[in-house]
Protein backbone atom coordinates (compact mmCIF):
# COMPACT_ATOMS: atom_id res chain seq x y z
CA UNK A 1 16.84 172.85 144.00
CA UNK A 2 20.67 172.98 143.46
CA UNK A 3 22.65 170.79 142.79
CA UNK A 4 25.87 170.40 144.44
CA UNK A 5 28.52 168.33 143.22
CA UNK A 6 32.58 168.66 142.85
CA UNK A 7 34.59 170.06 139.24
CA UNK A 8 36.46 166.62 138.29
CA UNK A 9 39.34 168.30 137.58
CA UNK A 10 40.06 171.27 140.02
CA UNK A 11 38.05 169.64 143.38
CA UNK A 12 36.19 172.84 143.66
CA UNK A 13 32.42 173.13 144.09
CA UNK A 14 30.32 173.07 141.13
CA UNK A 15 26.34 173.46 141.32
CA UNK A 16 23.35 173.39 138.35
CA UNK A 17 24.81 174.01 135.11
CA UNK A 18 28.19 173.43 135.35
CA UNK A 19 27.30 170.06 137.56
CA UNK A 20 24.68 168.91 134.60
CA UNK A 21 27.82 170.14 131.59
CA UNK A 22 30.40 167.86 133.90
CA UNK A 23 27.83 165.02 133.56
CA UNK A 24 26.63 165.32 129.95
CA UNK A 25 30.38 165.11 129.41
CA UNK A 26 30.98 162.18 131.64
CA UNK A 27 28.40 160.42 129.61
CA UNK A 28 29.27 161.66 126.27
CA UNK A 29 33.15 160.72 126.95
CA UNK A 30 32.44 157.02 127.87
CA UNK A 31 31.97 154.21 125.34
CA UNK A 32 28.70 151.97 126.50
CA UNK A 33 30.43 148.41 127.71
CA UNK A 34 33.31 150.46 129.37
CA UNK A 35 32.17 150.62 132.63
CA UNK A 36 32.41 147.50 135.30
CA UNK A 37 29.35 147.84 137.37
CA UNK A 38 27.03 149.69 134.60
CA UNK A 39 27.85 148.22 131.74
CA UNK A 40 24.71 149.80 129.56
CA UNK A 41 26.26 153.44 130.53
CA UNK A 42 27.72 155.95 128.23
CA UNK A 43 27.00 156.99 124.69
CA UNK A 44 28.20 155.44 121.39
CA UNK A 45 30.22 158.30 120.16
CA UNK A 46 33.60 156.73 120.59
CA UNK A 47 32.12 154.66 117.70
CA UNK A 48 31.28 156.99 115.83
CA UNK A 49 33.64 159.58 115.76
CA UNK A 50 36.18 158.67 113.22
CA UNK A 51 33.48 158.34 110.41
CA UNK A 52 33.32 161.17 107.54
CA UNK A 53 32.21 163.83 107.97
CA UNK A 54 28.41 164.21 105.75
CA UNK A 55 25.25 164.43 106.72
CA UNK A 56 24.12 160.75 108.12
CA UNK A 57 27.30 161.13 110.42
CA UNK A 58 26.09 164.57 111.73
CA UNK A 59 22.44 162.34 112.25
CA UNK A 60 24.05 159.59 113.89
CA UNK A 61 26.17 161.98 116.06
CA UNK A 62 22.87 163.92 116.84
CA UNK A 63 20.82 160.73 117.72
CA UNK A 64 23.71 159.03 119.79
CA UNK A 65 23.67 162.51 121.96
CA UNK A 66 20.35 162.82 122.77
CA UNK A 67 19.42 158.87 123.30
CA UNK A 68 22.41 159.03 125.81
CA UNK A 69 21.23 162.28 127.51
CA UNK A 70 18.06 161.23 127.41
CA UNK A 71 18.59 158.02 129.53
CA UNK A 72 21.30 159.17 132.17
CA UNK A 73 20.92 162.61 132.63
CA UNK A 74 17.28 163.20 134.10
CA UNK A 75 18.13 166.85 135.48
CA UNK A 76 17.42 168.05 132.00
CA UNK A 77 14.89 168.03 129.25
CA UNK A 78 16.58 169.15 125.75
CA UNK A 79 14.88 170.82 123.16
CA UNK A 80 17.86 171.38 120.54
CA UNK A 81 21.09 169.43 119.54
CA UNK A 82 23.53 170.76 117.22
CA UNK A 83 26.73 169.17 115.54
CA UNK A 84 29.67 170.98 114.08
CA UNK A 85 33.24 171.57 113.34
CA UNK A 86 35.42 174.01 114.92
CA UNK A 87 39.43 173.33 114.35
CA UNK A 88 38.82 169.55 113.59
CA UNK A 89 36.88 168.91 116.60
CA UNK A 90 33.84 167.62 116.95
CA UNK A 91 31.22 170.31 118.84
CA UNK A 92 27.81 169.60 120.05
CA UNK A 93 25.30 172.22 121.23
CA UNK A 94 22.52 171.44 123.79
CA UNK A 95 19.36 173.46 124.03
CA UNK A 96 16.68 172.64 126.74
CA UNK A 97 15.62 173.31 130.61
CA UNK A 98 15.94 171.67 133.76
CA UNK A 99 13.39 169.41 134.14
CA UNK A 100 12.35 170.70 138.02
CA UNK A 101 11.72 174.27 137.20
CA UNK A 102 12.06 174.90 133.51
CA UNK A 103 14.72 177.30 133.52
CA UNK A 104 16.07 177.55 130.34
CA UNK A 105 20.10 175.69 129.44
CA UNK A 106 22.38 176.39 126.63
CA UNK A 107 25.96 174.66 126.83
CA UNK A 108 28.43 173.11 124.42
CA UNK A 109 30.97 170.23 124.65
CA UNK A 110 33.67 168.89 122.47
CA UNK A 111 33.56 165.01 121.48
CA UNK A 112 36.67 163.81 122.38
């Protein structure tokens, strides 16, 4: 089964991994409580992103990412999340597989 969607920036068609990646990016970049008709949608990343960079923060970021994706993106099953910084930006690496066919997926997203 291919998921068909639209690229939020170009308007072009996207499928599968790009559609999931765009969806996860939207989940990460939406603070909980900010969406009018679905207040619970989003993630806690906005509350965490300006905190001190240490092991505790890394664990909190990983937890916020996992919880948000688990709740709002049923098409994927995550097997690993890694958080690292690159040029003063936090990058989230997600590894897992599609729930419907177990095809492996792996992508990275900057957290803004």
